[in-house]
């Protein structure tokens, strides 16, 4: 699975360690969900202003947020968490993360910046795979999957 990390901000350093963690998180989700390794994912790192513009333009919400997911495949009605291997498009989607928001949330929640970025990556990945948190039942499923990935990689709350 080609996973690209694109840094489009200059407010926070993006270290090799941070990039390695992002790749591990994304790859573990794909492995756990048995996604075809030919599918591509991009993780785009931005600042609050850039994500605010995307949120405004695509969701009609004019404020910064922490993560946005842009899935490039059609939703499946029978099993939203299973990617259709017959789909013609080989790009699963893009995840856009505000590193400024991630830093602020890490401070607010009292855990490491890497843990917060890891959470946003795993959260975005599950959205790309069709999961959501619109109902309490769906939220419970998604949160359990997210926590399993974070636990396995040692990205725990402190």
N, C-alpha and C. Protein backbone atom coordinates (compact mmCIF):
# COMPACT_ATOMS: atom_id res chain seq x y z
N UNK A 1 0.85 -1.18 0.00
CA UNK A 1 0.00 0.00 0.00
C UNK A 1 0.89 1.23 0.00
N UNK A 2 0.85 2.00 -1.06
CA UNK A 2 1.60 3.25 -1.07
C UNK A 2 0.93 4.27 -0.15
N UNK A 3 1.68 4.71 0.85
CA UNK A 3 1.20 5.73 1.78
C UNK A 3 2.13 6.92 1.65
N UNK A 4 1.56 8.06 1.28
CA UNK A 4 2.35 9.29 1.10
C UNK A 4 2.07 10.23 2.25
N UNK A 5 3.12 10.90 2.70
CA UNK A 5 2.98 11.96 3.70
C UNK A 5 3.41 13.25 3.02
N UNK A 6 2.51 14.23 3.04
CA UNK A 6 2.77 15.51 2.39
C UNK A 6 2.66 16.60 3.45
N UNK A 7 3.75 17.30 3.70
CA UNK A 7 3.75 18.37 4.69
C UNK A 7 3.53 19.71 3.99
N UNK A 8 2.39 20.33 4.25
CA UNK A 8 2.07 21.62 3.62
C UNK A 8 2.01 22.75 4.65
N UNK A 9 2.67 22.57 5.76
CA UNK A 9 2.68 23.60 6.79
C UNK A 9 4.12 23.80 7.26
N UNK A 10 4.35 24.96 7.89
CA UNK A 10 5.70 25.23 8.40
C UNK A 10 5.69 25.71 9.85
N UNK A 11 4.60 25.45 10.55
CA UNK A 11 4.48 25.93 11.92
C UNK A 11 5.02 24.94 12.95
N UNK A 12 5.03 23.66 12.61
CA UNK A 12 5.54 22.62 13.52
C UNK A 12 6.48 21.71 12.74
N UNK A 13 7.56 21.28 13.38
CA UNK A 13 8.49 20.39 12.68
C UNK A 13 7.87 19.01 12.45
N UNK A 14 8.17 18.44 11.30
CA UNK A 14 7.74 17.08 10.98
C UNK A 14 9.02 16.24 10.96
N UNK A 15 9.22 15.50 12.02
CA UNK A 15 10.44 14.71 12.16
C UNK A 15 10.30 13.37 11.46
N UNK A 16 11.42 12.72 11.27
CA UNK A 16 11.41 11.37 10.73
C UNK A 16 10.64 10.42 11.62
N UNK A 17 10.75 10.62 12.94
CA UNK A 17 10.00 9.78 13.89
C UNK A 17 8.50 9.95 13.72
N UNK A 18 8.06 11.19 13.54
CA UNK A 18 6.63 11.45 13.34
C UNK A 18 6.15 10.80 12.04
N UNK A 19 6.91 10.96 10.98
CA UNK A 19 6.54 10.34 9.71
C UNK A 19 6.49 8.82 9.83
N UNK A 20 7.46 8.24 10.50
CA UNK A 20 7.48 6.78 10.68
C UNK A 20 6.25 6.32 11.46
N UNK A 21 5.87 7.05 12.50
CA UNK A 21 4.69 6.69 13.28
C UNK A 21 3.43 6.78 12.42
N UNK A 22 3.31 7.84 11.62
CA UNK A 22 2.14 7.98 10.74
C UNK A 22 2.04 6.79 9.80
N UNK A 23 3.15 6.41 9.21
CA UNK A 23 3.16 5.26 8.30
C UNK A 23 2.76 3.97 9.01
N UNK A 24 3.28 3.76 10.23
CA UNK A 24 2.95 2.55 10.98
C UNK A 24 1.47 2.49 11.31
N UNK A 25 0.91 3.61 11.73
CA UNK A 25 -0.51 3.65 12.09
C UNK A 25 -1.36 3.34 10.85
N UNK A 26 -1.09 4.03 9.77
CA UNK A 26 -1.89 3.82 8.55
C UNK A 26 -1.76 2.38 8.05
N UNK A 27 -0.55 1.86 8.06
CA UNK A 27 -0.33 0.50 7.56
C UNK A 27 -1.02 -0.53 8.45
N UNK A 28 -0.99 -0.33 9.76
CA UNK A 28 -1.63 -1.29 10.67
C UNK A 28 -3.14 -1.32 10.44
N UNK A 29 -3.75 -0.16 10.24
CA UNK A 29 -5.19 -0.14 9.95
C UNK A 29 -5.47 -0.92 8.67
N UNK A 30 -4.68 -0.67 7.64
CA UNK A 30 -4.88 -1.36 6.36
C UNK A 30 -4.69 -2.86 6.50
N UNK A 31 -3.69 -3.26 7.27
CA UNK A 31 -3.45 -4.69 7.50
C UNK A 31 -4.62 -5.31 8.26
N UNK A 32 -5.06 -4.65 9.33
CA UNK A 32 -6.15 -5.19 10.14
C UNK A 32 -7.44 -5.32 9.33
N UNK A 33 -7.66 -4.38 8.42
CA UNK A 33 -8.89 -4.37 7.62
C UNK A 33 -8.72 -5.13 6.30
N UNK A 34 -7.56 -5.69 6.09
CA UNK A 34 -7.26 -6.51 4.90
C UNK A 34 -7.56 -5.77 3.59
N UNK A 35 -7.04 -4.55 3.53
CA UNK A 35 -7.23 -3.72 2.34
C UNK A 35 -6.19 -4.12 1.29
N UNK A 36 -6.61 -4.18 0.06
CA UNK A 36 -5.72 -4.50 -1.06
C UNK A 36 -4.48 -3.60 -1.00
N UNK A 37 -3.28 -4.18 -1.02
CA UNK A 37 -2.07 -3.37 -0.89
C UNK A 37 -1.78 -2.44 -2.06
N UNK A 38 -2.54 -2.53 -3.12
CA UNK A 38 -2.33 -1.63 -4.27
C UNK A 38 -2.98 -0.27 -4.07
N UNK A 39 -3.89 -0.17 -3.13
CA UNK A 39 -4.60 1.09 -2.91
C UNK A 39 -3.66 2.13 -2.29
N UNK A 40 -3.85 3.40 -2.66
CA UNK A 40 -3.00 4.48 -2.18
C UNK A 40 -3.75 5.36 -1.18
N UNK A 41 -2.98 5.87 -0.22
CA UNK A 41 -3.49 6.80 0.79
C UNK A 41 -2.49 7.94 0.92
N UNK A 42 -2.99 9.17 1.03
CA UNK A 42 -2.13 10.32 1.31
C UNK A 42 -2.53 10.90 2.65
N UNK A 43 -1.52 11.25 3.45
CA UNK A 43 -1.74 11.96 4.71
C UNK A 43 -1.11 13.34 4.51
N UNK A 44 -1.96 14.36 4.52
CA UNK A 44 -1.52 15.72 4.26
C UNK A 44 -1.53 16.49 5.57
N UNK A 45 -0.38 17.06 5.93
CA UNK A 45 -0.23 17.80 7.18
C UNK A 45 -0.32 19.29 6.88
N UNK A 46 -1.26 19.96 7.55
CA UNK A 46 -1.53 21.37 7.29
C UNK A 46 -1.59 22.14 8.61
N UNK A 47 -1.84 23.46 8.50
CA UNK A 47 -2.04 24.28 9.69
C UNK A 47 -3.54 24.57 9.85
N UNK A 48 -3.88 25.28 10.91
CA UNK A 48 -5.30 25.56 11.19
C UNK A 48 -5.98 26.34 10.07
N UNK A 49 -5.30 27.31 9.49
CA UNK A 49 -5.91 28.12 8.44
C UNK A 49 -6.22 27.27 7.20
N UNK A 50 -5.29 26.40 6.83
CA UNK A 50 -5.51 25.56 5.66
C UNK A 50 -6.67 24.59 5.87
N UNK A 51 -6.74 23.98 7.05
CA UNK A 51 -7.83 23.03 7.28
C UNK A 51 -9.16 23.76 7.43
N UNK A 52 -9.12 24.99 7.95
CA UNK A 52 -10.36 25.79 8.03
C UNK A 52 -10.91 26.04 6.63
N UNK A 53 -10.03 26.38 5.70
CA UNK A 53 -10.47 26.61 4.32
C UNK A 53 -11.07 25.35 3.70
N UNK A 54 -10.44 24.22 3.91
CA UNK A 54 -10.98 22.96 3.38
C UNK A 54 -12.31 22.62 4.04
N UNK A 55 -12.40 22.81 5.34
CA UNK A 55 -13.63 22.53 6.07
C UNK A 55 -14.76 23.43 5.55
N UNK A 56 -14.44 24.69 5.30
CA UNK A 56 -15.43 25.64 4.76
C UNK A 56 -15.85 25.24 3.34
N UNK A 57 -14.87 24.93 2.51
CA UNK A 57 -15.17 24.65 1.11
C UNK A 57 -15.89 23.32 0.90
N UNK A 58 -15.55 22.30 1.70
CA UNK A 58 -16.11 20.97 1.46
C UNK A 58 -17.21 20.57 2.42
N UNK A 59 -17.25 21.17 3.61
CA UNK A 59 -18.28 20.80 4.58
C UNK A 59 -19.18 21.97 4.95
N UNK A 60 -18.85 23.13 4.43
CA UNK A 60 -19.62 24.36 4.72
C UNK A 60 -19.58 24.71 6.21
N UNK A 61 -18.47 24.39 6.87
CA UNK A 61 -18.25 24.72 8.27
C UNK A 61 -17.02 25.61 8.32
N UNK A 62 -17.20 26.90 8.62
CA UNK A 62 -16.11 27.86 8.54
C UNK A 62 -15.35 27.95 9.86
N UNK A 63 -14.65 26.86 10.20
CA UNK A 63 -13.78 26.85 11.38
C UNK A 63 -12.76 25.73 11.20
N UNK A 64 -11.67 25.88 11.93
CA UNK A 64 -10.64 24.84 11.88
C UNK A 64 -11.16 23.58 12.55
N UNK A 65 -10.66 22.44 12.11
CA UNK A 65 -10.97 21.15 12.72
C UNK A 65 -9.66 20.39 12.82
N UNK A 66 -9.70 19.20 13.38
CA UNK A 66 -8.46 18.45 13.55
C UNK A 66 -8.12 17.56 12.37
N UNK A 67 -9.12 16.88 11.80
CA UNK A 67 -8.86 15.95 10.70
C UNK A 67 -10.05 15.93 9.74
N UNK A 68 -9.72 15.83 8.47
CA UNK A 68 -10.73 15.64 7.42
C UNK A 68 -10.31 14.43 6.60
N UNK A 69 -11.28 13.66 6.18
CA UNK A 69 -11.02 12.50 5.33
C UNK A 69 -11.79 12.66 4.03
N UNK A 70 -11.09 12.40 2.93
CA UNK A 70 -11.69 12.48 1.61
C UNK A 70 -11.55 11.12 0.94
N UNK A 71 -12.60 10.32 1.00
CA UNK A 71 -12.59 8.99 0.39
C UNK A 71 -12.82 9.12 -1.10
N UNK A 72 -12.06 8.37 -1.89
CA UNK A 72 -12.17 8.43 -3.34
C UNK A 72 -12.95 7.28 -3.92
N UNK A 73 -13.62 6.52 -3.11
CA UNK A 73 -14.37 5.38 -3.63
C UNK A 73 -15.83 5.57 -3.27
N UNK A 74 -16.68 4.85 -3.96
CA UNK A 74 -18.11 4.91 -3.69
C UNK A 74 -18.41 4.18 -2.40
N UNK A 75 -19.36 4.69 -1.66
CA UNK A 75 -19.81 3.99 -0.45
C UNK A 75 -20.48 2.69 -0.82
N UNK A 76 -20.28 1.68 -0.02
CA UNK A 76 -20.92 0.40 -0.24
C UNK A 76 -22.05 0.26 0.76
N UNK A 77 -23.17 -0.21 0.27
CA UNK A 77 -24.33 -0.27 1.14
C UNK A 77 -24.36 -1.51 2.02
N UNK A 78 -23.90 -2.66 1.50
CA UNK A 78 -24.03 -3.89 2.27
C UNK A 78 -23.03 -3.99 3.42
N UNK A 79 -21.78 -3.64 3.21
CA UNK A 79 -20.77 -3.70 4.25
C UNK A 79 -19.84 -2.50 4.10
N UNK A 80 -20.13 -1.41 4.81
CA UNK A 80 -19.36 -0.19 4.60
C UNK A 80 -17.89 -0.31 4.99
N UNK A 81 -17.53 -1.32 5.76
CA UNK A 81 -16.13 -1.42 6.19
C UNK A 81 -15.30 -2.33 5.28
N UNK A 82 -15.86 -2.78 4.18
CA UNK A 82 -15.14 -3.64 3.26
C UNK A 82 -14.92 -2.90 1.95
N UNK A 83 -13.67 -2.78 1.55
CA UNK A 83 -13.35 -2.10 0.29
C UNK A 83 -13.59 -3.06 -0.85
N UNK A 84 -14.29 -2.60 -1.88
CA UNK A 84 -14.60 -3.41 -3.05
C UNK A 84 -13.34 -3.65 -3.88
N UNK A 85 -12.85 -4.88 -3.96
CA UNK A 85 -11.62 -5.13 -4.71
C UNK A 85 -11.80 -4.95 -6.21
N UNK A 86 -13.01 -4.92 -6.68
CA UNK A 86 -13.26 -4.75 -8.11
C UNK A 86 -13.35 -3.27 -8.51
N UNK A 87 -13.24 -2.39 -7.54
CA UNK A 87 -13.32 -0.97 -7.85
C UNK A 87 -12.19 -0.56 -8.79
N UNK A 88 -12.48 0.32 -9.72
CA UNK A 88 -11.48 0.72 -10.70
C UNK A 88 -10.47 1.70 -10.12
N UNK A 89 -10.86 2.52 -9.21
CA UNK A 89 -9.98 3.53 -8.63
C UNK A 89 -8.99 2.88 -7.68
N UNK A 90 -7.71 3.23 -7.79
CA UNK A 90 -6.70 2.63 -6.91
C UNK A 90 -6.27 3.57 -5.79
N UNK A 91 -6.99 4.68 -5.61
CA UNK A 91 -6.70 5.62 -4.54
C UNK A 91 -7.81 5.51 -3.51
N UNK A 92 -7.44 5.12 -2.30
CA UNK A 92 -8.43 5.01 -1.24
C UNK A 92 -8.89 6.40 -0.81
N UNK A 93 -7.94 7.34 -0.66
CA UNK A 93 -8.33 8.69 -0.30
C UNK A 93 -7.22 9.47 0.36
N UNK A 94 -7.60 10.65 0.86
CA UNK A 94 -6.67 11.56 1.53
C UNK A 94 -7.16 11.83 2.94
N UNK A 95 -6.20 11.93 3.84
CA UNK A 95 -6.48 12.37 5.20
C UNK A 95 -5.73 13.68 5.39
N UNK A 96 -6.41 14.70 5.86
CA UNK A 96 -5.80 16.00 6.09
C UNK A 96 -5.83 16.26 7.59
N UNK A 97 -4.66 16.53 8.17
CA UNK A 97 -4.53 16.73 9.62
C UNK A 97 -3.92 18.09 9.89
N UNK A 98 -4.57 18.85 10.77
CA UNK A 98 -4.00 20.10 11.24
C UNK A 98 -3.04 19.79 12.40
N UNK A 99 -1.74 20.01 12.16
CA UNK A 99 -0.78 19.77 13.24
C UNK A 99 -0.94 20.79 14.36
N UNK A 100 -1.37 22.00 14.03
CA UNK A 100 -1.63 23.00 15.08
C UNK A 100 -2.74 22.51 16.01
N UNK A 101 -3.81 22.00 15.43
CA UNK A 101 -4.94 21.50 16.23
C UNK A 101 -4.50 20.27 17.02
N UNK A 102 -3.70 19.40 16.40
CA UNK A 102 -3.21 18.20 17.10
C UNK A 102 -2.39 18.59 18.32
N UNK A 103 -1.52 19.59 18.17
CA UNK A 103 -0.71 20.04 19.31
C UNK A 103 -1.60 20.59 20.43
N UNK A 104 -2.57 21.43 20.07
CA UNK A 104 -3.46 22.01 21.08
C UNK A 104 -4.26 20.92 21.79
N UNK A 105 -4.76 19.94 21.04
CA UNK A 105 -5.55 18.87 21.65
C UNK A 105 -4.68 17.97 22.53
N UNK A 106 -3.45 17.72 22.13
CA UNK A 106 -2.55 16.92 22.96
C UNK A 106 -2.35 17.62 24.30
N UNK A 107 -2.15 18.92 24.27
CA UNK A 107 -1.99 19.69 25.52
C UNK A 107 -3.27 19.65 26.34
N UNK A 108 -4.40 19.85 25.67
CA UNK A 108 -5.70 19.85 26.36
C UNK A 108 -5.99 18.51 27.03
N UNK A 109 -5.70 17.41 26.33
CA UNK A 109 -6.00 16.07 26.84
C UNK A 109 -4.89 15.50 27.71
N UNK A 110 -3.74 16.20 27.76
CA UNK A 110 -2.65 15.77 28.62
C UNK A 110 -1.90 14.54 28.12
N UNK A 111 -1.80 14.38 26.81
CA UNK A 111 -0.99 13.28 26.30
C UNK A 111 -0.03 13.78 25.23
N UNK A 112 0.80 12.88 24.74
CA UNK A 112 1.86 13.24 23.80
C UNK A 112 1.31 13.68 22.45
N UNK A 113 2.04 14.58 21.82
CA UNK A 113 1.71 15.05 20.47
C UNK A 113 1.64 13.87 19.50
N UNK A 114 2.59 12.95 19.60
CA UNK A 114 2.61 11.79 18.70
C UNK A 114 1.35 10.95 18.89
N UNK A 115 0.88 10.81 20.12
CA UNK A 115 -0.33 10.04 20.37
C UNK A 115 -1.53 10.71 19.70
N UNK A 116 -1.60 12.03 19.78
CA UNK A 116 -2.73 12.74 19.17
C UNK A 116 -2.69 12.63 17.65
N UNK A 117 -1.51 12.81 17.06
CA UNK A 117 -1.40 12.66 15.61
C UNK A 117 -1.76 11.23 15.21
N UNK A 118 -1.27 10.25 15.98
CA UNK A 118 -1.60 8.85 15.70
C UNK A 118 -3.10 8.61 15.75
N UNK A 119 -3.76 9.18 16.75
CA UNK A 119 -5.22 9.04 16.84
C UNK A 119 -5.88 9.64 15.61
N UNK A 120 -5.44 10.82 15.18
CA UNK A 120 -6.07 11.48 14.03
C UNK A 120 -5.84 10.67 12.75
N UNK A 121 -4.68 10.04 12.62
CA UNK A 121 -4.43 9.19 11.46
C UNK A 121 -5.36 7.99 11.48
N UNK A 122 -5.43 7.29 12.61
CA UNK A 122 -6.28 6.10 12.68
C UNK A 122 -7.75 6.48 12.48
N UNK A 123 -8.16 7.59 13.04
CA UNK A 123 -9.54 8.06 12.88
C UNK A 123 -9.83 8.34 11.40
N UNK A 124 -8.92 9.05 10.75
CA UNK A 124 -9.10 9.34 9.34
C UNK A 124 -9.10 8.09 8.48
N UNK A 125 -8.23 7.13 8.82
CA UNK A 125 -8.17 5.89 8.05
C UNK A 125 -9.50 5.14 8.13
N UNK A 126 -10.06 5.05 9.32
CA UNK A 126 -11.34 4.33 9.43
C UNK A 126 -12.46 5.06 8.71
N UNK A 127 -12.42 6.39 8.66
CA UNK A 127 -13.40 7.10 7.84
C UNK A 127 -13.22 6.75 6.37
N UNK A 128 -11.97 6.68 5.89
CA UNK A 128 -11.73 6.31 4.49
C UNK A 128 -12.29 4.93 4.18
N UNK A 129 -12.30 4.07 5.18
CA UNK A 129 -12.78 2.70 4.99
C UNK A 129 -14.28 2.56 5.19
N UNK A 130 -14.97 3.69 5.41
CA UNK A 130 -16.42 3.66 5.48
C UNK A 130 -17.02 3.67 6.86
N UNK A 131 -16.21 3.71 7.89
CA UNK A 131 -16.74 3.76 9.26
C UNK A 131 -17.12 5.20 9.60
N UNK A 132 -18.09 5.34 10.50
CA UNK A 132 -18.43 6.66 10.99
C UNK A 132 -18.87 6.55 12.45
N UNK A 133 -19.26 7.68 13.01
CA UNK A 133 -19.68 7.72 14.40
C UNK A 133 -20.97 8.52 14.54
N UNK A 134 -21.87 8.29 13.58
CA UNK A 134 -23.13 9.02 13.58
C UNK A 134 -24.15 8.46 14.57
N UNK A 135 -24.05 7.17 14.87
CA UNK A 135 -24.94 6.57 15.87
C UNK A 135 -24.07 6.03 17.00
N UNK A 136 -24.64 5.87 18.18
CA UNK A 136 -23.85 5.31 19.29
C UNK A 136 -23.26 3.94 18.97
N UNK A 137 -24.00 3.13 18.23
CA UNK A 137 -23.51 1.79 17.88
C UNK A 137 -22.31 1.89 16.94
N UNK A 138 -22.43 2.72 15.91
CA UNK A 138 -21.33 2.90 14.95
C UNK A 138 -20.11 3.51 15.64
N UNK A 139 -20.36 4.45 16.53
CA UNK A 139 -19.25 5.09 17.25
C UNK A 139 -18.52 4.06 18.11
N UNK A 140 -19.24 3.18 18.76
CA UNK A 140 -18.61 2.15 19.61
C UNK A 140 -17.72 1.23 18.78
N UNK A 141 -18.19 0.85 17.61
CA UNK A 141 -17.40 -0.03 16.73
C UNK A 141 -16.13 0.70 16.28
N UNK A 142 -16.29 1.93 15.82
CA UNK A 142 -15.15 2.70 15.32
C UNK A 142 -14.14 2.96 16.43
N UNK A 143 -14.61 3.36 17.60
CA UNK A 143 -13.70 3.65 18.73
C UNK A 143 -12.94 2.40 19.16
N UNK A 144 -13.59 1.26 19.18
CA UNK A 144 -12.91 0.02 19.57
C UNK A 144 -11.80 -0.31 18.58
N UNK A 145 -12.06 -0.14 17.31
CA UNK A 145 -11.04 -0.40 16.29
C UNK A 145 -9.88 0.58 16.43
N UNK A 146 -10.20 1.85 16.64
CA UNK A 146 -9.16 2.87 16.81
C UNK A 146 -8.28 2.55 18.01
N UNK A 147 -8.90 2.25 19.13
CA UNK A 147 -8.14 1.97 20.35
C UNK A 147 -7.27 0.73 20.20
N UNK A 148 -7.75 -0.29 19.49
CA UNK A 148 -6.96 -1.50 19.27
C UNK A 148 -5.67 -1.18 18.52
N UNK A 149 -5.76 -0.34 17.50
CA UNK A 149 -4.58 0.06 16.73
C UNK A 149 -3.63 0.86 17.61
N UNK A 150 -4.15 1.84 18.31
CA UNK A 150 -3.31 2.69 19.15
C UNK A 150 -2.63 1.88 20.26
N UNK A 151 -3.37 0.96 20.87
CA UNK A 151 -2.79 0.10 21.91
C UNK A 151 -1.66 -0.75 21.35
N UNK A 152 -1.90 -1.35 20.18
CA UNK A 152 -0.89 -2.23 19.58
C UNK A 152 0.41 -1.48 19.29
N UNK A 153 0.31 -0.21 18.96
CA UNK A 153 1.49 0.58 18.66
C UNK A 153 2.04 1.35 19.87
N UNK A 154 1.41 1.17 21.02
CA UNK A 154 1.87 1.83 22.23
C UNK A 154 1.56 3.30 22.29
N UNK A 155 0.59 3.76 21.52
CA UNK A 155 0.18 5.16 21.51
C UNK A 155 -1.00 5.33 22.48
N UNK A 156 -0.69 5.25 23.75
CA UNK A 156 -1.74 5.24 24.77
C UNK A 156 -1.83 6.62 25.44
N UNK A 157 -2.97 6.84 26.02
CA UNK A 157 -3.17 8.07 26.80
C UNK A 157 -2.36 7.96 28.08
N UNK A 158 -1.83 9.08 28.48
CA UNK A 158 -1.03 9.09 29.72
C UNK A 158 -1.66 9.97 30.75
